[in-house]
Amino acid sequence: MKFLLKVSYNQLDSTDSLPKFSSYAKAHGWKLLVLCSVLIYGSHSVLLNLCKDETGVIPFNSAAVVLLTELTKLMLSLALLIPELLAQRRAGIRESDRMLPVRDSWVFALPALFYAVNNNLVVCIQHYMDPASFEVLSKIKIAITAILYRVVLKNQLSTKQWLAIAVLFIGSMCNSFGAIASRQSLRASPSEVYITLSGLLMLLAYCTISGMAGIYTEYILKKQKQVSLSQQNAYIYMYGIAFNFIGYIMTTSSDQNVGFFHGFNQWTLVVILTQAVNGLIQAFLMKHGNSIIRLFIIATAMLVATVLSVLVFSLQLNSFFYTAFISMAFALWLYHG
C-alpha cells in the first residue's frame, strides 16, 4: 500500500492541471483519497451482504440503487461546482474560459453508457454462470485494462510494470479462489460450477466495457484540463441518470406491486452514499493519476474485503489469501519500485 501511495503522490506533483496545494496537503490529501477508495471498494460486498433480509436475499431492486447512486453523485458534484463558479465570478474569470458548453457535453455520454450497460450486464451474467466462476473470470478486466491503457492512450509500460500487472492478476485470482473455498467449506455441499458460452461471451464484453470505460473516462478528463472536474462529473452523472432510468424501467415488471424504495434499509443508504463518494474519488484519481492506479486500488480492496469478511462473518482465512497478499505486495513493489 505504501508504494501505491508514494507513486500516486509523485504523479500528483507532476500534474500541471492540479490546484496549488501545499506540499503537506498534497501528500496527505492524496494518501487519504487512496485509502478511502480502498476501504470503500473493500467494504462494498460486506455491505451488500448486510443488506440481505432474513431469507438471505437482497430485497431491493439493484437498478433503483444504481439510479439513486448516480443521483447522489450528481448532487455532490453540483455542491462542489457551485462554490467554484462563485469564486471564479468574484475573481473576474469568464465562465467561457473554464466552463464546457452543454452542447459539447455529449462526449461524457459514452462513459455514462458504458457504466450503465455494465451495471445491468453484471446482473444478466449471473443467469449464465455460477457466481464463483464469475468472481474468478471477471479478473480478466485487469489484463484488458492494462492492454487498452497501452494501445488506446499510447502510454508506455516497462517490462517490470507489465510483470507487476501479471502478478497482480495472479494475486487477484488467488484471492477469488480463497474466497470461494472459504464459502464452500461453510456449506453442506459445494455449489454447482457451470459456464455457458453465452455467459462467457457476456463476461468478455463486461470486462472489455469495464476497461474501455476507465480508459475513455481518463482520456476525456485529462484532455479538458481547463474544465473543472466537478463540471465534468456533473455531465457524466446527468447522462448516467438518464441511461440508468431507462435501465430501471426495463428491469421493472409492470405486474410488480412494489415501490421504488422496496427493500431499502439503513445499510442500503450506506451503500448508496459510499459508492457515490467513491465515484468522485475515482474521477479525481483518474484525472490526476491513471487507470493503472485504479487497478491496484481495486486489487488491494479485495484483501480488505476478505479481512472484513473474517471480522463480520467469521470467514476462515486460507493459503490462497496469504498467497494473494504476498503477490499483491510484490506487484506493488515491482510496479512502483
C-alpha atoms as a PDB file:
ATOM      1  CA  MET A   1       0.000   0.000   0.000  1.00  0.00           C
ATOM      2  CA  LYS A   2       2.770   2.479   0.864  1.00  0.00           C
ATOM      3  CA  PHE A   3       4.246   2.037  -2.618  1.00  0.00           C
ATOM      4  CA  LEU A   4       0.860   2.871  -4.145  1.00  0.00           C
ATOM      5  CA  LEU A   5       0.565   5.994  -2.005  1.00  0.00           C
ATOM      6  CA  LYS A   6       4.114   7.042  -2.807  1.00  0.00           C
ATOM      7  CA  VAL A   7       3.886   6.782  -6.563  1.00  0.00           C
ATOM      8  CA  SER A   8       0.466   8.392  -6.610  1.00  0.00           C
ATOM      9  CA  TYR A   9       1.820  11.387  -4.700  1.00  0.00           C
ATOM     10  CA  ASN A  10       4.730  11.705  -7.118  1.00  0.00           C
ATOM     11  CA  GLN A  11       2.312  11.699 -10.046  1.00  0.00           C
ATOM     12  CA  LEU A  12       0.202  14.278  -8.287  1.00  0.00           C
ATOM     13  CA  ASP A  13       3.221  16.570  -8.008  1.00  0.00           C
ATOM     14  CA  SER A  14       3.860  16.364 -11.734  1.00  0.00           C
ATOM     15  CA  THR A  15       0.328  17.110 -12.887  1.00  0.00           C
ATOM     16  CA  ASP A  16       0.098  20.623 -14.286  1.00  0.00           C
ATOM     17  CA  SER A  17      -3.672  20.835 -14.029  1.00  0.00           C
ATOM     18  CA  LEU A  18      -3.795  20.458 -10.267  1.00  0.00           C
ATOM     19  CA  PRO A  19      -4.612  23.317  -7.948  1.00  0.00           C
ATOM     20  CA  LYS A  20      -1.754  24.877  -6.000  1.00  0.00           C
ATOM     21  CA  PHE A  21      -1.933  22.898  -2.791  1.00  0.00           C
ATOM     22  CA  SER A  22       0.751  22.970  -0.147  1.00  0.00           C
ATOM     23  CA  SER A  23       3.199  20.085  -0.229  1.00  0.00           C
ATOM     24  CA  TYR A  24       1.788  18.715   3.027  1.00  0.00           C
ATOM     25  CA  ALA A  25      -1.806  18.917   1.803  1.00  0.00           C
ATOM     26  CA  LYS A  26      -0.973  17.232  -1.495  1.00  0.00           C
ATOM     27  CA  ALA A  27       0.880  14.362   0.136  1.00  0.00           C
ATOM     28  CA  HIS A  28      -1.612  13.593   2.873  1.00  0.00           C
ATOM     29  CA  GLY A  29      -4.727  14.509   0.877  1.00  0.00           C
ATOM     30  CA  TRP A  30      -3.799  12.098  -1.907  1.00  0.00           C
ATOM     31  CA  LYS A  31      -2.999   9.323   0.557  1.00  0.00           C
ATOM     32  CA  LEU A  32      -6.332   9.856   2.284  1.00  0.00           C
ATOM     33  CA  LEU A  33      -8.230   9.608  -1.011  1.00  0.00           C
ATOM     34  CA  VAL A  34      -6.450   6.395  -1.990  1.00  0.00           C
ATOM     35  CA  LEU A  35      -7.049   4.887   1.444  1.00  0.00           C
ATOM     36  CA  CYS A  36     -10.746   5.867   1.417  1.00  0.00           C
ATOM     37  CA  SER A  37     -11.189   4.368  -2.043  1.00  0.00           C
ATOM     38  CA  VAL A  38      -9.577   1.079  -0.975  1.00  0.00           C
ATOM     39  CA  LEU A  39     -11.771   0.884   2.131  1.00  0.00           C
ATOM     40  CA  ILE A  40     -14.972   1.695   0.208  1.00  0.00           C
ATOM     41  CA  TYR A  41     -14.219  -0.842  -2.517  1.00  0.00           C
ATOM     42  CA  GLY A  42     -13.287  -3.427   0.088  1.00  0.00           C
ATOM     43  CA  SER A  43     -16.404  -2.909   2.192  1.00  0.00           C
ATOM     44  CA  HIS A  44     -18.875  -2.960  -0.708  1.00  0.00           C
ATOM     45  CA  SER A  45     -19.505  -6.712  -0.795  1.00  0.00           C
ATOM     46  CA  VAL A  46     -19.753  -6.815   3.005  1.00  0.00           C
ATOM     47  CA  LEU A  47     -22.321  -4.005   2.998  1.00  0.00           C
ATOM     48  CA  LEU A  48     -24.357  -5.785   0.319  1.00  0.00           C
ATOM     49  CA  ASN A  49     -24.442  -8.905   2.487  1.00  0.00           C
ATOM     50  CA  LEU A  50     -25.638  -6.809   5.420  1.00  0.00           C
ATOM     51  CA  CYS A  51     -28.500  -5.590   3.203  1.00  0.00           C
ATOM     52  CA  LYS A  52     -29.901  -9.127   2.891  1.00  0.00           C
ATOM     53  CA  ASP A  53     -33.190  -9.983   4.586  1.00  0.00           C
ATOM     54  CA  GLU A  54     -33.859 -12.930   6.902  1.00  0.00           C
ATOM     55  CA  THR A  55     -34.123 -15.289   3.908  1.00  0.00           C
ATOM     56  CA  GLY A  56     -30.634 -14.384   2.725  1.00  0.00           C
ATOM     57  CA  VAL A  57     -31.856 -12.446  -0.320  1.00  0.00           C
ATOM     58  CA  ILE A  58     -31.051  -8.860  -1.256  1.00  0.00           C
ATOM     59  CA  PRO A  59     -34.608  -7.443  -1.293  1.00  0.00           C
ATOM     60  CA  PHE A  60     -34.184  -4.214  -3.246  1.00  0.00           C
ATOM     61  CA  ASN A  61     -34.098  -3.535  -6.971  1.00  0.00           C
ATOM     62  CA  SER A  62     -30.417  -3.125  -7.882  1.00  0.00           C
ATOM     63  CA  ALA A  63     -31.344  -0.771 -10.736  1.00  0.00           C
ATOM     64  CA  ALA A  64     -33.040   1.549  -8.235  1.00  0.00           C
ATOM     65  CA  VAL A  65     -29.921   1.604  -6.052  1.00  0.00           C
ATOM     66  CA  VAL A  66     -27.683   2.368  -9.043  1.00  0.00           C
ATOM     67  CA  LEU A  67     -30.030   5.167 -10.127  1.00  0.00           C
ATOM     68  CA  LEU A  68     -30.032   6.721  -6.652  1.00  0.00           C
ATOM     69  CA  THR A  69     -26.238   6.412  -6.514  1.00  0.00           C
ATOM     70  CA  GLU A  70     -25.910   8.349  -9.771  1.00  0.00           C
ATOM     71  CA  LEU A  71     -28.319  10.984  -8.468  1.00  0.00           C
ATOM     72  CA  THR A  72     -26.277  11.328  -5.264  1.00  0.00           C
ATOM     73  CA  LYS A  73     -23.090  11.702  -7.310  1.00  0.00           C
ATOM     74  CA  LEU A  74     -24.710  14.488  -9.311  1.00  0.00           C
ATOM     75  CA  MET A  75     -25.838  16.312  -6.173  1.00  0.00           C
ATOM     76  CA  LEU A  76     -22.348  16.081  -4.660  1.00  0.00           C
ATOM     77  CA  SER A  77     -20.773  17.309  -7.908  1.00  0.00           C
ATOM     78  CA  LEU A  78     -23.111  20.299  -8.063  1.00  0.00           C
ATOM     79  CA  ALA A  79     -22.416  21.046  -4.391  1.00  0.00           C
ATOM     80  CA  LEU A  80     -18.718  21.277  -5.289  1.00  0.00           C
ATOM     81  CA  LEU A  81     -19.266  23.076  -8.599  1.00  0.00           C
ATOM     82  CA  ILE A  82     -21.422  25.973  -7.369  1.00  0.00           C
ATOM     83  CA  PRO A  83     -18.794  27.383  -4.946  1.00  0.00           C
ATOM     84  CA  GLU A  84     -16.193  27.089  -7.723  1.00  0.00           C
ATOM     85  CA  LEU A  85     -18.354  29.134 -10.088  1.00  0.00           C
ATOM     86  CA  LEU A  86     -18.995  31.791  -7.452  1.00  0.00           C
ATOM     87  CA  ALA A  87     -15.269  32.046  -6.700  1.00  0.00           C
ATOM     88  CA  GLN A  88     -14.456  32.402 -10.403  1.00  0.00           C
ATOM     89  CA  ARG A  89     -17.063  35.122 -10.788  1.00  0.00           C
ATOM     90  CA  ARG A  90     -15.615  37.054  -7.846  1.00  0.00           C
ATOM     91  CA  ALA A  91     -12.144  36.686  -9.364  1.00  0.00           C
ATOM     92  CA  GLY A  92     -13.367  38.081 -12.680  1.00  0.00           C
ATOM     93  CA  ILE A  93     -12.763  34.850 -14.600  1.00  0.00           C
ATOM     94  CA  ARG A  94     -15.058  34.445 -17.573  1.00  0.00           C
ATOM     95  CA  GLU A  95     -17.212  31.340 -17.478  1.00  0.00           C
ATOM     96  CA  SER A  96     -16.364  30.630 -21.118  1.00  0.00           C
ATOM     97  CA  ASP A  97     -12.721  30.168 -20.104  1.00  0.00           C
ATOM     98  CA  ARG A  98     -13.449  27.440 -17.561  1.00  0.00           C
ATOM     99  CA  MET A  99     -16.880  26.042 -18.437  1.00  0.00           C
ATOM    100  CA  LEU A 100     -17.730  23.469 -21.067  1.00  0.00           C
ATOM    101  CA  PRO A 101     -20.884  24.373 -23.033  1.00  0.00           C
ATOM    102  CA  VAL A 102     -23.765  21.942 -22.685  1.00  0.00           C
ATOM    103  CA  ARG A 103     -23.752  21.384 -26.446  1.00  0.00           C
ATOM    104  CA  ASP A 104     -20.243  19.901 -26.122  1.00  0.00           C
ATOM    105  CA  SER A 105     -21.136  17.637 -23.208  1.00  0.00           C
ATOM    106  CA  TRP A 106     -22.034  14.712 -25.451  1.00  0.00           C
ATOM    107  CA  VAL A 107     -18.507  13.296 -25.044  1.00  0.00           C
ATOM    108  CA  PHE A 108     -19.474  12.345 -21.487  1.00  0.00           C
ATOM    109  CA  ALA A 109     -22.436  10.280 -22.671  1.00  0.00           C
ATOM    110  CA  LEU A 110     -20.214   7.388 -23.772  1.00  0.00           C
ATOM    111  CA  PRO A 111     -18.633   6.574 -20.379  1.00  0.00           C
ATOM    112  CA  ALA A 112     -22.047   7.008 -18.746  1.00  0.00           C
ATOM    113  CA  LEU A 113     -23.461   4.497 -21.237  1.00  0.00           C
ATOM    114  CA  PHE A 114     -20.567   2.109 -20.593  1.00  0.00           C
ATOM    115  CA  TYR A 115     -21.159   2.172 -16.847  1.00  0.00           C
ATOM    116  CA  ALA A 116     -24.937   1.816 -17.236  1.00  0.00           C
ATOM    117  CA  VAL A 117     -24.580  -1.183 -19.566  1.00  0.00           C
ATOM    118  CA  ASN A 118     -22.125  -2.902 -17.233  1.00  0.00           C
ATOM    119  CA  ASN A 119     -24.290  -2.308 -14.168  1.00  0.00           C
ATOM    120  CA  ASN A 120     -27.056  -4.285 -15.858  1.00  0.00           C
ATOM    121  CA  LEU A 121     -24.794  -6.758 -17.656  1.00  0.00           C
ATOM    122  CA  VAL A 122     -23.266  -7.974 -14.401  1.00  0.00           C
ATOM    123  CA  VAL A 123     -26.756  -8.993 -13.257  1.00  0.00           C
ATOM    124  CA  CYS A 124     -27.539 -10.822 -16.511  1.00  0.00           C
ATOM    125  CA  ILE A 125     -24.267 -12.777 -16.388  1.00  0.00           C
ATOM    126  CA  GLN A 126     -25.336 -14.451 -13.144  1.00  0.00           C
ATOM    127  CA  HIS A 127     -28.001 -16.374 -15.098  1.00  0.00           C
ATOM    128  CA  TYR A 128     -25.408 -17.928 -17.416  1.00  0.00           C
ATOM    129  CA  MET A 129     -22.628 -18.902 -14.995  1.00  0.00           C
ATOM    130  CA  ASP A 130     -22.246 -19.570 -11.316  1.00  0.00           C
ATOM    131  CA  PRO A 131     -21.094 -16.734  -9.004  1.00  0.00           C
ATOM    132  CA  ALA A 132     -17.798 -18.481  -8.229  1.00  0.00           C
ATOM    133  CA  SER A 133     -16.819 -18.658 -11.899  1.00  0.00           C
ATOM    134  CA  PHE A 134     -17.791 -15.021 -12.379  1.00  0.00           C
ATOM    135  CA  GLU A 135     -15.713 -13.943  -9.380  1.00  0.00           C
ATOM    136  CA  VAL A 136     -12.612 -15.616 -10.830  1.00  0.00           C
ATOM    137  CA  LEU A 137     -13.044 -14.894 -14.539  1.00  0.00           C
ATOM    138  CA  SER A 138     -14.020 -11.245 -14.036  1.00  0.00           C
ATOM    139  CA  LYS A 139     -10.396 -10.566 -13.052  1.00  0.00           C
ATOM    140  CA  ILE A 140      -9.643 -10.701 -16.783  1.00  0.00           C
ATOM    141  CA  LYS A 141     -10.542  -7.000 -16.772  1.00  0.00           C
ATOM    142  CA  ILE A 142      -7.188  -6.291 -15.086  1.00  0.00           C
ATOM    143  CA  ALA A 143      -5.314  -7.576 -18.134  1.00  0.00           C
ATOM    144  CA  ILE A 144      -7.741  -5.967 -20.603  1.00  0.00           C
ATOM    145  CA  THR A 145      -7.494  -2.557 -18.902  1.00  0.00           C
ATOM    146  CA  ALA A 146      -3.688  -2.703 -18.987  1.00  0.00           C
ATOM    147  CA  ILE A 147      -3.697  -3.578 -22.694  1.00  0.00           C
ATOM    148  CA  LEU A 148      -6.166  -0.780 -23.502  1.00  0.00           C
ATOM    149  CA  TYR A 149      -4.063   1.638 -21.421  1.00  0.00           C
ATOM    150  CA  ARG A 150      -1.125   0.871 -23.720  1.00  0.00           C
ATOM    151  CA  VAL A 151      -2.988   0.663 -27.042  1.00  0.00           C
ATOM    152  CA  VAL A 152      -5.588   3.434 -26.696  1.00  0.00           C
ATOM    153  CA  LEU A 153      -3.760   6.005 -24.569  1.00  0.00           C
ATOM    154  CA  LYS A 154      -0.343   5.159 -26.092  1.00  0.00           C
ATOM    155  CA  ASN A 155       1.239   5.083 -22.644  1.00  0.00           C
ATOM    156  CA  GLN A 156       4.438   3.091 -22.317  1.00  0.00           C
ATOM    157  CA  LEU A 157       4.784   0.425 -19.645  1.00  0.00           C
ATOM    158  CA  SER A 158       8.155  -1.049 -18.784  1.00  0.00           C
ATOM    159  CA  THR A 159       8.814  -4.781 -18.681  1.00  0.00           C
ATOM    160  CA  LYS A 160       8.788  -4.603 -14.871  1.00  0.00           C
ATOM    161  CA  GLN A 161       5.399  -2.889 -14.907  1.00  0.00           C
ATOM    162  CA  TRP A 162       3.906  -5.488 -17.250  1.00  0.00           C
ATOM    163  CA  LEU A 163       5.274  -8.203 -14.965  1.00  0.00           C
ATOM    164  CA  ALA A 164       3.755  -6.397 -11.974  1.00  0.00           C
ATOM    165  CA  ILE A 165       0.336  -6.341 -13.660  1.00  0.00           C
ATOM    166  CA  ALA A 166       0.660 -10.074 -14.401  1.00  0.00           C
ATOM    167  CA  VAL A 167       1.497 -10.754 -10.736  1.00  0.00           C
ATOM    168  CA  LEU A 168      -1.438  -8.541  -9.712  1.00  0.00           C
ATOM    169  CA  PHE A 169      -3.732 -10.584 -11.963  1.00  0.00           C
ATOM    170  CA  ILE A 170      -2.498 -13.851 -10.429  1.00  0.00           C
ATOM    171  CA  GLY A 171      -2.853 -12.470  -6.906  1.00  0.00           C
ATOM    172  CA  SER A 172      -6.420 -11.364  -7.619  1.00  0.00           C
ATOM    173  CA  MET A 173      -7.274 -14.825  -8.931  1.00  0.00           C
ATOM    174  CA  CYS A 174      -5.788 -16.417  -5.794  1.00  0.00           C
ATOM    175  CA  ASN A 175      -7.877 -14.158  -3.580  1.00  0.00           C
ATOM    176  CA  SER A 176     -11.021 -15.143  -5.505  1.00  0.00           C
ATOM    177  CA  PHE A 177     -10.209 -18.849  -5.216  1.00  0.00           C
ATOM    178  CA  GLY A 178      -9.638 -18.378  -1.498  1.00  0.00           C
ATOM    179  CA  ALA A 179     -12.996 -16.664  -1.007  1.00  0.00           C
ATOM    180  CA  ILE A 180     -14.748 -19.439  -2.932  1.00  0.00           C
ATOM    181  CA  ALA A 181     -13.019 -22.175  -0.918  1.00  0.00           C
ATOM    182  CA  SER A 182     -13.931 -20.476   2.373  1.00  0.00           C
ATOM    183  CA  ARG A 183     -17.595 -20.117   1.407  1.00  0.00           C
ATOM    184  CA  GLN A 184     -17.873 -23.712   0.211  1.00  0.00           C
ATOM    185  CA  SER A 185     -16.359 -25.001   3.456  1.00  0.00           C
ATOM    186  CA  LEU A 186     -19.348 -23.487   5.279  1.00  0.00           C
ATOM    187  CA  ARG A 187     -21.866 -25.351   3.099  1.00  0.00           C
ATOM    188  CA  ALA A 188     -23.000 -28.922   3.384  1.00  0.00           C
ATOM    189  CA  SER A 189     -22.160 -29.454  -0.278  1.00  0.00           C
ATOM    190  CA  PRO A 190     -20.329 -27.304  -2.810  1.00  0.00           C
ATOM    191  CA  SER A 191     -22.407 -25.353  -5.296  1.00  0.00           C
ATOM    192  CA  GLU A 192     -22.504 -26.473  -8.909  1.00  0.00           C
ATOM    193  CA  VAL A 193     -19.961 -24.881 -11.232  1.00  0.00           C
ATOM    194  CA  TYR A 194     -21.258 -24.104 -14.691  1.00  0.00           C
ATOM    195  CA  ILE A 195     -20.280 -21.756 -17.516  1.00  0.00           C
ATOM    196  CA  THR A 196     -22.280 -21.374 -20.723  1.00  0.00           C
ATOM    197  CA  LEU A 197     -20.975 -19.968 -23.993  1.00  0.00           C
ATOM    198  CA  SER A 198     -23.392 -17.044 -23.696  1.00  0.00           C
ATOM    199  CA  GLY A 199     -22.132 -16.364 -20.191  1.00  0.00           C
ATOM    200  CA  LEU A 200     -18.506 -16.418 -21.329  1.00  0.00           C
ATOM    201  CA  LEU A 201     -19.193 -14.022 -24.206  1.00  0.00           C
ATOM    202  CA  MET A 202     -21.119 -11.684 -21.896  1.00  0.00           C
ATOM    203  CA  LEU A 203     -18.275 -11.805 -19.380  1.00  0.00           C
ATOM    204  CA  LEU A 204     -15.718 -10.874 -22.046  1.00  0.00           C
ATOM    205  CA  ALA A 205     -17.979  -7.990 -23.068  1.00  0.00           C
ATOM    206  CA  TYR A 206     -18.283  -6.935 -19.415  1.00  0.00           C
ATOM    207  CA  CYS A 207     -14.506  -6.938 -18.891  1.00  0.00           C
ATOM    208  CA  THR A 208     -13.852  -5.077 -22.152  1.00  0.00           C
ATOM    209  CA  ILE A 209     -16.511  -2.442 -21.444  1.00  0.00           C
ATOM    210  CA  SER A 210     -15.147  -2.029 -17.916  1.00  0.00           C
ATOM    211  CA  GLY A 211     -11.665  -1.393 -19.295  1.00  0.00           C
ATOM    212  CA  MET A 212     -12.901   0.950 -22.014  1.00  0.00           C
ATOM    213  CA  ALA A 213     -14.999   2.924 -19.536  1.00  0.00           C
ATOM    214  CA  GLY A 214     -11.999   3.591 -17.317  1.00  0.00           C
ATOM    215  CA  ILE A 215      -9.612   4.375 -20.173  1.00  0.00           C
ATOM    216  CA  TYR A 216     -12.035   6.672 -22.016  1.00  0.00           C
ATOM    217  CA  THR A 217     -13.001   8.472 -18.808  1.00  0.00           C
ATOM    218  CA  GLU A 218      -9.329   9.106 -18.037  1.00  0.00           C
ATOM    219  CA  TYR A 219      -8.816  10.375 -21.601  1.00  0.00           C
ATOM    220  CA  ILE A 220     -11.605  12.955 -21.600  1.00  0.00           C
ATOM    221  CA  LEU A 221     -10.957  14.109 -18.026  1.00  0.00           C
ATOM    222  CA  LYS A 222      -7.308  14.821 -18.833  1.00  0.00           C
ATOM    223  CA  LYS A 223      -7.921  16.216 -22.314  1.00  0.00           C
ATOM    224  CA  GLN A 224     -10.089  19.034 -20.936  1.00  0.00           C
ATOM    225  CA  LYS A 225      -7.563  20.299 -18.400  1.00  0.00           C
ATOM    226  CA  GLN A 226      -9.136  23.737 -18.153  1.00  0.00           C
ATOM    227  CA  VAL A 227     -12.594  22.353 -17.327  1.00  0.00           C
ATOM    228  CA  SER A 228     -13.489  21.854 -13.679  1.00  0.00           C
ATOM    229  CA  LEU A 229     -13.590  18.219 -12.588  1.00  0.00           C
ATOM    230  CA  SER A 230     -16.864  18.937 -10.794  1.00  0.00           C
ATOM    231  CA  GLN A 231     -18.448  20.062 -14.062  1.00  0.00           C
ATOM    232  CA  GLN A 232     -17.081  17.039 -15.912  1.00  0.00           C
ATOM    233  CA  ASN A 233     -18.501  14.779 -13.218  1.00  0.00           C
ATOM    234  CA  ALA A 234     -21.857  16.551 -13.368  1.00  0.00           C
ATOM    235  CA  TYR A 235     -22.159  15.880 -17.101  1.00  0.00           C
ATOM    236  CA  ILE A 236     -21.214  12.204 -16.700  1.00  0.00           C
ATOM    237  CA  TYR A 237     -23.754  11.701 -13.917  1.00  0.00           C
ATOM    238  CA  MET A 238     -26.504  13.571 -15.779  1.00  0.00           C
ATOM    239  CA  TYR A 239     -26.151  11.143 -18.658  1.00  0.00           C
ATOM    240  CA  GLY A 240     -25.757   8.302 -16.163  1.00  0.00           C
ATOM    241  CA  ILE A 241     -29.091   9.152 -14.554  1.00  0.00           C
ATOM    242  CA  ALA A 242     -30.797   9.145 -17.953  1.00  0.00           C
ATOM    243  CA  PHE A 243     -29.342   5.783 -19.011  1.00  0.00           C
ATOM    244  CA  ASN A 244     -29.914   4.133 -15.641  1.00  0.00           C
ATOM    245  CA  PHE A 245     -33.502   5.397 -15.516  1.00  0.00           C
ATOM    246  CA  ILE A 246     -34.086   3.598 -18.808  1.00  0.00           C
ATOM    247  CA  GLY A 247     -32.450   0.524 -17.280  1.00  0.00           C
ATOM    248  CA  TYR A 248     -34.702   0.771 -14.241  1.00  0.00           C
ATOM    249  CA  ILE A 249     -37.828   0.951 -16.407  1.00  0.00           C
ATOM    250  CA  MET A 250     -36.668  -2.042 -18.463  1.00  0.00           C
ATOM    251  CA  THR A 251     -35.907  -4.197 -15.406  1.00  0.00           C
ATOM    252  CA  THR A 252     -39.103  -3.346 -13.535  1.00  0.00           C
ATOM    253  CA  SER A 253     -42.018  -5.563 -14.474  1.00  0.00           C
ATOM    254  CA  SER A 254     -45.393  -3.879 -14.846  1.00  0.00           C
ATOM    255  CA  ASP A 255     -47.030  -6.519 -12.646  1.00  0.00           C
ATOM    256  CA  GLN A 256     -44.671  -5.916  -9.724  1.00  0.00           C
ATOM    257  CA  ASN A 257     -46.637  -4.225  -6.994  1.00  0.00           C
ATOM    258  CA  VAL A 258     -43.607  -2.843  -5.169  1.00  0.00           C
ATOM    259  CA  GLY A 259     -42.382   0.690  -4.677  1.00  0.00           C
ATOM    260  CA  PHE A 260     -39.122   2.257  -5.786  1.00  0.00           C
ATOM    261  CA  PHE A 261     -37.702   2.024  -2.248  1.00  0.00           C
ATOM    262  CA  HIS A 262     -38.911  -1.523  -1.603  1.00  0.00           C
ATOM    263  CA  GLY A 263     -36.397  -3.498   0.447  1.00  0.00           C
ATOM    264  CA  PHE A 264     -34.312  -0.495   1.468  1.00  0.00           C
ATOM    265  CA  ASN A 265     -32.783  -0.346   4.943  1.00  0.00           C
ATOM    266  CA  GLN A 266     -30.051   1.647   6.664  1.00  0.00           C
ATOM    267  CA  TRP A 267     -27.337  -0.452   5.032  1.00  0.00           C
ATOM    268  CA  THR A 268     -28.771   0.288   1.588  1.00  0.00           C
ATOM    269  CA  LEU A 269     -28.364   4.001   2.262  1.00  0.00           C
ATOM    270  CA  VAL A 270     -24.768   3.404   3.364  1.00  0.00           C
ATOM    271  CA  VAL A 271     -24.113   1.546   0.094  1.00  0.00           C
ATOM    272  CA  ILE A 272     -25.533   4.429  -1.953  1.00  0.00           C
ATOM    273  CA  LEU A 273     -23.576   7.106  -0.098  1.00  0.00           C
ATOM    274  CA  THR A 274     -20.248   5.260  -0.079  1.00  0.00           C
ATOM    275  CA  GLN A 275     -20.479   4.365  -3.759  1.00  0.00           C
ATOM    276  CA  ALA A 276     -21.326   7.972  -4.624  1.00  0.00           C
ATOM    277  CA  VAL A 277     -18.332   9.289  -2.678  1.00  0.00           C
ATOM    278  CA  ASN A 278     -16.076   6.665  -4.238  1.00  0.00           C
ATOM    279  CA  GLY A 279     -17.242   7.704  -7.695  1.00  0.00           C
ATOM    280  CA  LEU A 280     -15.978  11.243  -7.075  1.00  0.00           C
ATOM    281  CA  ILE A 281     -12.711   9.928  -5.636  1.00  0.00           C
ATOM    282  CA  GLN A 282     -12.153   7.677  -8.643  1.00  0.00           C
ATOM    283  CA  ALA A 283     -12.756  10.585 -11.015  1.00  0.00           C
ATOM    284  CA  PHE A 284     -10.110  12.635  -9.186  1.00  0.00           C
ATOM    285  CA  LEU A 285      -7.629   9.755  -9.266  1.00  0.00           C
ATOM    286  CA  MET A 286      -8.147   9.206 -12.995  1.00  0.00           C
ATOM    287  CA  LYS A 287      -7.835  12.909 -13.835  1.00  0.00           C
ATOM    288  CA  HIS A 288      -4.653  13.364 -11.819  1.00  0.00           C
ATOM    289  CA  GLY A 289      -3.364   9.791 -11.800  1.00  0.00           C
ATOM    290  CA  ASN A 290      -4.149   6.971 -14.223  1.00  0.00           C
ATOM    291  CA  SER A 291      -6.245   3.852 -14.731  1.00  0.00           C
ATOM    292  CA  ILE A 292      -3.449   1.526 -13.620  1.00  0.00           C
ATOM    293  CA  ILE A 293      -3.528   3.054 -10.134  1.00  0.00           C
ATOM    294  CA  ARG A 294      -7.244   2.279 -10.099  1.00  0.00           C
ATOM    295  CA  LEU A 295      -6.471  -1.383 -10.842  1.00  0.00           C
ATOM    296  CA  PHE A 296      -4.112  -1.591  -7.894  1.00  0.00           C
ATOM    297  CA  ILE A 297      -6.699   0.062  -5.654  1.00  0.00           C
ATOM    298  CA  ILE A 298      -9.360  -2.460  -6.675  1.00  0.00           C
ATOM    299  CA  ALA A 299      -6.964  -5.384  -6.220  1.00  0.00           C
ATOM    300  CA  THR A 300      -5.860  -4.160  -2.788  1.00  0.00           C
ATOM    301  CA  ALA A 301      -9.506  -3.703  -1.843  1.00  0.00           C
ATOM    302  CA  MET A 302     -10.085  -7.428  -2.411  1.00  0.00           C
ATOM    303  CA  LEU A 303      -7.789  -8.133   0.529  1.00  0.00           C
ATOM    304  CA  VAL A 304      -9.687  -5.591   2.625  1.00  0.00           C
ATOM    305  CA  ALA A 305     -12.953  -7.319   1.704  1.00  0.00           C
ATOM    306  CA  THR A 306     -11.536 -10.654   2.826  1.00  0.00           C
ATOM    307  CA  VAL A 307     -10.346  -9.257   6.164  1.00  0.00           C
ATOM    308  CA  LEU A 308     -13.718  -7.582   6.768  1.00  0.00           C
ATOM    309  CA  SER A 309     -15.478 -10.859   5.968  1.00  0.00           C
ATOM    310  CA  VAL A 310     -13.338 -12.551   8.614  1.00  0.00           C
ATOM    311  CA  LEU A 311     -14.299  -9.914  11.181  1.00  0.00           C
ATOM    312  CA  VAL A 312     -18.002  -9.655  10.301  1.00  0.00           C
ATOM    313  CA  PHE A 313     -18.941 -13.123   9.025  1.00  0.00           C
ATOM    314  CA  SER A 314     -16.218 -15.265  10.685  1.00  0.00           C
ATOM    315  CA  LEU A 315     -14.823 -16.288   7.299  1.00  0.00           C
ATOM    316  CA  GLN A 316     -11.757 -18.515   7.680  1.00  0.00           C
ATOM    317  CA  LEU A 317      -8.516 -17.393   6.041  1.00  0.00           C
ATOM    318  CA  ASN A 318      -6.627 -19.947   3.971  1.00  0.00           C
ATOM    319  CA  SER A 319      -3.410 -20.306   1.993  1.00  0.00           C
ATOM    320  CA  PHE A 320      -4.994 -18.599  -1.040  1.00  0.00           C
ATOM    321  CA  PHE A 321      -5.385 -15.367   0.928  1.00  0.00           C
ATOM    322  CA  TYR A 322      -1.782 -15.346   2.105  1.00  0.00           C
ATOM    323  CA  THR A 323      -0.577 -16.110  -1.428  1.00  0.00           C
ATOM    324  CA  ALA A 324      -2.715 -13.250  -2.752  1.00  0.00           C
ATOM    325  CA  PHE A 325      -1.415 -10.872  -0.087  1.00  0.00           C
ATOM    326  CA  ILE A 326       2.227 -11.658  -0.889  1.00  0.00           C
ATOM    327  CA  SER A 327       1.576 -11.483  -4.649  1.00  0.00           C
ATOM    328  CA  MET A 328      -0.124  -8.089  -4.475  1.00  0.00           C
ATOM    329  CA  ALA A 329       2.534  -6.649  -2.171  1.00  0.00           C
ATOM    330  CA  PHE A 330       5.198  -7.861  -4.604  1.00  0.00           C
ATOM    331  CA  ALA A 331       3.242  -6.438  -7.563  1.00  0.00           C
ATOM    332  CA  LEU A 332       3.012  -3.027  -5.873  1.00  0.00           C
ATOM    333  CA  TRP A 333       6.741  -3.039  -5.147  1.00  0.00           C
ATOM    334  CA  LEU A 334       7.577  -4.208  -8.663  1.00  0.00           C
ATOM    335  CA  TYR A 335       5.357  -1.636 -10.398  1.00  0.00           C
ATOM    336  CA  HIS A 336       6.350   1.341  -8.273  1.00  0.00           C
ATOM    337  CA  GLY A 337       9.917   0.322  -7.470  1.00  0.00           C
END
